[in-house]
Amino acid sequence: MRKIIALATAALSTAVLLSGTSTTAQALPRPAQPDPFDKRVHCQSTDDDGRKIVTRFGNSEFGWNHFTHRHNIRKCSILHAALKDKVDRNDGHGRLEYDGVAIRTGGRPAQVKFTVIVQYTRKTKDGRYDAGRGQKIGVINAFCRNQPHNKCPAWMNQ
């Protein structure tokens, strides 16, 4: 009986040690991979300097899928309004910023300033995303200034 208990204890100890080893091996962190982004073009504009600027569907970090949800810009015409003019800010490394103004007329007039940010290079600044040979990343973000959470009012999408 003592031999059986000793063998069972040894087997149980071995099983616990082995299971602990495999659990530790599985818990090792994997290298971070960026979210895949949708390279399809949703909108296209041409600015005052003749640049063709695309708005890709992107992902939750940038592009149409980012700013439609996070900043409530749901119409290409809003982007076109800012992108048709000259660049307002250029960092010299492919990041272009265009400013625009949306105006609501009628009984309760309102005015909202908004910004469209463009990455006019093949890759994002951090190098995580690549639009492909001969392509540009395009619009990475658009948001309203001086609004709660930089979220645009619903009337802009009407």
C-alpha atoms as a PDB file:
ATOM      1  CA  MET A   1       0.000   0.000   0.000  1.00  0.00           C
ATOM      2  CA  ARG A   2       2.842   2.357   0.868  1.00  0.00           C
ATOM      3  CA  LYS A   3       4.486   1.599  -2.477  1.00  0.00           C
ATOM      4  CA  ILE A   4       1.278   2.469  -4.332  1.00  0.00           C
ATOM      5  CA  ILE A   5       0.953   5.765  -2.452  1.00  0.00           C
ATOM      6  CA  ALA A   6       4.625   6.558  -3.118  1.00  0.00           C
ATOM      7  CA  LEU A   7       4.234   5.794  -6.836  1.00  0.00           C
ATOM      8  CA  ALA A   8       1.020   7.817  -7.065  1.00  0.00           C
ATOM      9  CA  THR A   9       2.670  10.760  -5.316  1.00  0.00           C
ATOM     10  CA  ALA A  10       5.671  10.581  -7.656  1.00  0.00           C
ATOM     11  CA  ALA A  11       3.420  10.389 -10.721  1.00  0.00           C
ATOM     12  CA  LEU A  12       1.303  13.304  -9.508  1.00  0.00           C
ATOM     13  CA  SER A  13       4.406  15.411  -8.780  1.00  0.00           C
ATOM     14  CA  THR A  14       5.788  14.676 -12.242  1.00  0.00           C
ATOM     15  CA  ALA A  15       2.469  15.585 -13.883  1.00  0.00           C
ATOM     16  CA  VAL A  16       2.293  18.882 -11.992  1.00  0.00           C
ATOM     17  CA  LEU A  17       5.854  19.772 -12.971  1.00  0.00           C
ATOM     18  CA  LEU A  18       5.292  18.906 -16.617  1.00  0.00           C
ATOM     19  CA  SER A  19       2.006  20.778 -16.839  1.00  0.00           C
ATOM     20  CA  GLY A  20       3.644  23.822 -15.234  1.00  0.00           C
ATOM     21  CA  THR A  21       6.407  23.736 -17.845  1.00  0.00           C
ATOM     22  CA  SER A  22       4.015  23.606 -20.779  1.00  0.00           C
ATOM     23  CA  THR A  23       1.869  26.398 -19.344  1.00  0.00           C
ATOM     24  CA  THR A  24       4.931  28.595 -18.923  1.00  0.00           C
ATOM     25  CA  ALA A  25       5.999  27.911 -22.508  1.00  0.00           C
ATOM     26  CA  GLN A  26       2.555  28.877 -23.779  1.00  0.00           C
ATOM     27  CA  ALA A  27       2.504  32.098 -21.764  1.00  0.00           C
ATOM     28  CA  LEU A  28       5.555  33.575 -23.488  1.00  0.00           C
ATOM     29  CA  PRO A  29       4.608  36.859 -25.173  1.00  0.00           C
ATOM     30  CA  ARG A  30       4.446  36.893 -28.945  1.00  0.00           C
ATOM     31  CA  PRO A  31       5.846  39.806 -30.922  1.00  0.00           C
ATOM     32  CA  ALA A  32       3.263  42.522 -31.501  1.00  0.00           C
ATOM     33  CA  GLN A  33       1.768  42.504 -34.987  1.00  0.00           C
ATOM     34  CA  PRO A  34      -0.017  45.566 -36.374  1.00  0.00           C
ATOM     35  CA  ASP A  35      -3.697  45.273 -37.218  1.00  0.00           C
ATOM     36  CA  PRO A  36      -4.058  44.518 -40.912  1.00  0.00           C
ATOM     37  CA  PHE A  37      -5.452  47.494 -42.751  1.00  0.00           C
ATOM     38  CA  ASP A  38      -7.816  47.578 -45.693  1.00  0.00           C
ATOM     39  CA  LYS A  39      -5.972  49.213 -48.610  1.00  0.00           C
ATOM     40  CA  ARG A  40      -9.107  49.729 -50.696  1.00  0.00           C
ATOM     41  CA  VAL A  41      -9.864  53.357 -51.560  1.00  0.00           C
ATOM     42  CA  HIS A  42     -13.115  54.852 -50.241  1.00  0.00           C
ATOM     43  CA  CYS A  43     -12.711  58.477 -51.446  1.00  0.00           C
ATOM     44  CA  GLN A  44     -10.290  60.357 -53.647  1.00  0.00           C
ATOM     45  CA  SER A  45      -9.537  64.088 -53.871  1.00  0.00           C
ATOM     46  CA  THR A  46      -7.035  66.341 -55.591  1.00  0.00           C
ATOM     47  CA  ASP A  47      -5.544  69.239 -53.650  1.00  0.00           C
ATOM     48  CA  ASP A  48      -4.599  72.691 -54.944  1.00  0.00           C
ATOM     49  CA  ASP A  49      -1.052  71.508 -55.737  1.00  0.00           C
ATOM     50  CA  GLY A  50      -2.304  68.590 -57.867  1.00  0.00           C
ATOM     51  CA  ARG A  51      -1.684  65.813 -55.321  1.00  0.00           C
ATOM     52  CA  LYS A  52      -4.101  62.894 -55.640  1.00  0.00           C
ATOM     53  CA  ILE A  53      -5.097  62.099 -52.074  1.00  0.00           C
ATOM     54  CA  VAL A  54      -6.917  58.878 -51.305  1.00  0.00           C
ATOM     55  CA  THR A  55      -8.888  57.892 -48.245  1.00  0.00           C
ATOM     56  CA  ARG A  56      -8.421  54.187 -47.579  1.00  0.00           C
ATOM     57  CA  PHE A  57     -10.764  52.111 -45.440  1.00  0.00           C
ATOM     58  CA  GLY A  58      -7.777  51.471 -43.133  1.00  0.00           C
ATOM     59  CA  ASN A  59      -8.436  49.987 -39.688  1.00  0.00           C
ATOM     60  CA  SER A  60      -9.258  51.101 -36.153  1.00  0.00           C
ATOM     61  CA  GLU A  61      -5.998  53.096 -35.953  1.00  0.00           C
ATOM     62  CA  PHE A  62      -6.242  55.210 -39.114  1.00  0.00           C
ATOM     63  CA  GLY A  63      -8.263  55.791 -42.249  1.00  0.00           C
ATOM     64  CA  TRP A  64     -12.014  55.780 -42.875  1.00  0.00           C
ATOM     65  CA  ASN A  65     -12.718  53.039 -40.311  1.00  0.00           C
ATOM     66  CA  HIS A  66     -10.931  55.094 -37.650  1.00  0.00           C
ATOM     67  CA  PHE A  67     -12.407  58.553 -38.039  1.00  0.00           C
ATOM     68  CA  THR A  68     -15.966  57.582 -39.013  1.00  0.00           C
ATOM     69  CA  HIS A  69     -16.432  55.912 -35.646  1.00  0.00           C
ATOM     70  CA  ARG A  70     -14.151  57.915 -33.407  1.00  0.00           C
ATOM     71  CA  HIS A  71     -14.710  61.408 -34.834  1.00  0.00           C
ATOM     72  CA  ASN A  72     -18.147  61.099 -36.515  1.00  0.00           C
ATOM     73  CA  ILE A  73     -17.100  62.124 -40.033  1.00  0.00           C
ATOM     74  CA  ARG A  74     -19.198  59.985 -42.363  1.00  0.00           C
ATOM     75  CA  LYS A  75     -19.197  61.828 -45.713  1.00  0.00           C
ATOM     76  CA  CYS A  76     -16.458  62.192 -48.290  1.00  0.00           C
ATOM     77  CA  SER A  77     -17.690  65.718 -49.049  1.00  0.00           C
ATOM     78  CA  ILE A  78     -16.391  66.847 -45.643  1.00  0.00           C
ATOM     79  CA  LEU A  79     -12.905  65.634 -46.579  1.00  0.00           C
ATOM     80  CA  HIS A  80     -13.140  67.181 -50.072  1.00  0.00           C
ATOM     81  CA  ALA A  81     -13.965  70.580 -48.542  1.00  0.00           C
ATOM     82  CA  ALA A  82     -10.604  70.695 -46.743  1.00  0.00           C
ATOM     83  CA  LEU A  83      -8.490  68.818 -49.302  1.00  0.00           C
ATOM     84  CA  LYS A  84      -9.400  71.040 -52.275  1.00  0.00           C
ATOM     85  CA  ASP A  85      -7.287  73.922 -50.915  1.00  0.00           C
ATOM     86  CA  LYS A  86      -3.599  74.387 -50.159  1.00  0.00           C
ATOM     87  CA  VAL A  87      -1.781  72.547 -47.374  1.00  0.00           C
ATOM     88  CA  ASP A  88      -2.011  74.393 -44.048  1.00  0.00           C
ATOM     89  CA  ARG A  89       0.840  72.518 -42.318  1.00  0.00           C
ATOM     90  CA  ASN A  90       3.610  70.396 -43.856  1.00  0.00           C
ATOM     91  CA  ASP A  91       6.285  68.737 -41.708  1.00  0.00           C
ATOM     92  CA  GLY A  92       8.534  68.081 -44.720  1.00  0.00           C
ATOM     93  CA  HIS A  93       8.378  64.308 -44.173  1.00  0.00           C
ATOM     94  CA  GLY A  94       5.056  63.519 -45.846  1.00  0.00           C
ATOM     95  CA  ARG A  95       2.615  64.584 -43.133  1.00  0.00           C
ATOM     96  CA  LEU A  96       0.212  67.176 -44.515  1.00  0.00           C
ATOM     97  CA  GLU A  97      -2.579  68.905 -42.599  1.00  0.00           C
ATOM     98  CA  TYR A  98      -5.545  70.619 -44.201  1.00  0.00           C
ATOM     99  CA  ASP A  99      -7.997  72.789 -42.266  1.00  0.00           C
ATOM    100  CA  GLY A 100     -11.636  73.312 -43.140  1.00  0.00           C
ATOM    101  CA  VAL A 101     -14.734  74.987 -41.761  1.00  0.00           C
ATOM    102  CA  ALA A 102     -18.249  73.555 -41.732  1.00  0.00           C
ATOM    103  CA  ILE A 103     -21.084  76.066 -41.457  1.00  0.00           C
ATOM    104  CA  ARG A 104     -24.704  75.362 -40.566  1.00  0.00           C
ATOM    105  CA  THR A 105     -27.214  77.994 -41.565  1.00  0.00           C
ATOM    106  CA  GLY A 106     -30.830  78.356 -40.572  1.00  0.00           C
ATOM    107  CA  GLY A 107     -32.547  78.776 -37.217  1.00  0.00           C
ATOM    108  CA  ARG A 108     -29.511  77.757 -35.146  1.00  0.00           C
ATOM    109  CA  PRO A 109     -26.410  78.655 -37.161  1.00  0.00           C
ATOM    110  CA  ALA A 110     -23.123  77.058 -36.150  1.00  0.00           C
ATOM    111  CA  GLN A 111     -19.534  76.898 -37.314  1.00  0.00           C
ATOM    112  CA  VAL A 112     -17.043  74.083 -36.690  1.00  0.00           C
ATOM    113  CA  LYS A 113     -13.367  73.957 -37.640  1.00  0.00           C
ATOM    114  CA  PHE A 114     -11.994  70.579 -38.666  1.00  0.00           C
ATOM    115  CA  THR A 115      -8.638  69.144 -39.717  1.00  0.00           C
ATOM    116  CA  VAL A 116      -7.746  66.402 -42.192  1.00  0.00           C
ATOM    117  CA  ILE A 117      -4.343  64.739 -41.732  1.00  0.00           C
ATOM    118  CA  VAL A 118      -2.701  63.045 -44.718  1.00  0.00           C
ATOM    119  CA  GLN A 119       0.348  60.773 -44.820  1.00  0.00           C
ATOM    120  CA  TYR A 120       1.589  61.419 -48.366  1.00  0.00           C
ATOM    121  CA  THR A 121       4.187  58.641 -48.358  1.00  0.00           C
ATOM    122  CA  ARG A 122       4.194  54.918 -49.113  1.00  0.00           C
ATOM    123  CA  LYS A 123       4.572  53.931 -45.446  1.00  0.00           C
ATOM    124  CA  THR A 124       3.250  55.328 -42.198  1.00  0.00           C
ATOM    125  CA  LYS A 125       5.667  57.350 -40.096  1.00  0.00           C
ATOM    126  CA  ASP A 126       6.263  54.437 -37.689  1.00  0.00           C
ATOM    127  CA  GLY A 127       6.827  52.043 -40.624  1.00  0.00           C
ATOM    128  CA  ARG A 128       4.120  49.600 -39.510  1.00  0.00           C
ATOM    129  CA  TYR A 129       1.908  49.974 -42.592  1.00  0.00           C
ATOM    130  CA  ASP A 130       2.791  49.973 -46.291  1.00  0.00           C
ATOM    131  CA  ALA A 131       0.374  51.094 -49.025  1.00  0.00           C
ATOM    132  CA  GLY A 132       2.323  49.292 -51.738  1.00  0.00           C
ATOM    133  CA  ARG A 133       4.667  50.249 -54.526  1.00  0.00           C
ATOM    134  CA  GLY A 134       3.742  53.567 -56.139  1.00  0.00           C
ATOM    135  CA  GLN A 135       0.898  54.174 -53.660  1.00  0.00           C
ATOM    136  CA  LYS A 136       0.405  56.647 -50.808  1.00  0.00           C
ATOM    137  CA  ILE A 137      -1.167  55.939 -47.424  1.00  0.00           C
ATOM    138  CA  GLY A 138      -3.522  58.934 -47.804  1.00  0.00           C
ATOM    139  CA  VAL A 139      -5.902  60.341 -45.197  1.00  0.00           C
ATOM    140  CA  ILE A 140      -5.032  58.919 -41.787  1.00  0.00           C
ATOM    141  CA  ASN A 141      -7.294  61.055 -39.615  1.00  0.00           C
ATOM    142  CA  ALA A 142      -9.972  63.742 -39.687  1.00  0.00           C
ATOM    143  CA  PHE A 143     -11.493  65.403 -36.640  1.00  0.00           C
ATOM    144  CA  CYS A 144     -13.254  68.523 -35.402  1.00  0.00           C
ATOM    145  CA  ARG A 145     -11.368  71.041 -33.316  1.00  0.00           C
ATOM    146  CA  ASN A 146     -12.717  72.503 -30.067  1.00  0.00           C
ATOM    147  CA  GLN A 147     -15.363  69.790 -29.776  1.00  0.00           C
ATOM    148  CA  PRO A 148     -15.717  67.225 -26.971  1.00  0.00           C
ATOM    149  CA  HIS A 149     -13.377  64.299 -27.765  1.00  0.00           C
ATOM    150  CA  ASN A 150     -12.709  65.952 -31.163  1.00  0.00           C
ATOM    151  CA  LYS A 151     -16.009  64.421 -32.301  1.00  0.00           C
ATOM    152  CA  CYS A 152     -17.881  66.282 -35.022  1.00  0.00           C
ATOM    153  CA  PRO A 153     -21.538  67.237 -34.570  1.00  0.00           C
ATOM    154  CA  ALA A 154     -24.130  65.087 -36.338  1.00  0.00           C
ATOM    155  CA  TRP A 155     -25.376  67.969 -38.519  1.00  0.00           C
ATOM    156  CA  MET A 156     -22.116  67.880 -40.505  1.00  0.00           C
ATOM    157  CA  ASN A 157     -23.130  64.526 -42.022  1.00  0.00           C
ATOM    158  CA  GLN A 158     -26.496  65.730 -43.363  1.00  0.00           C
END
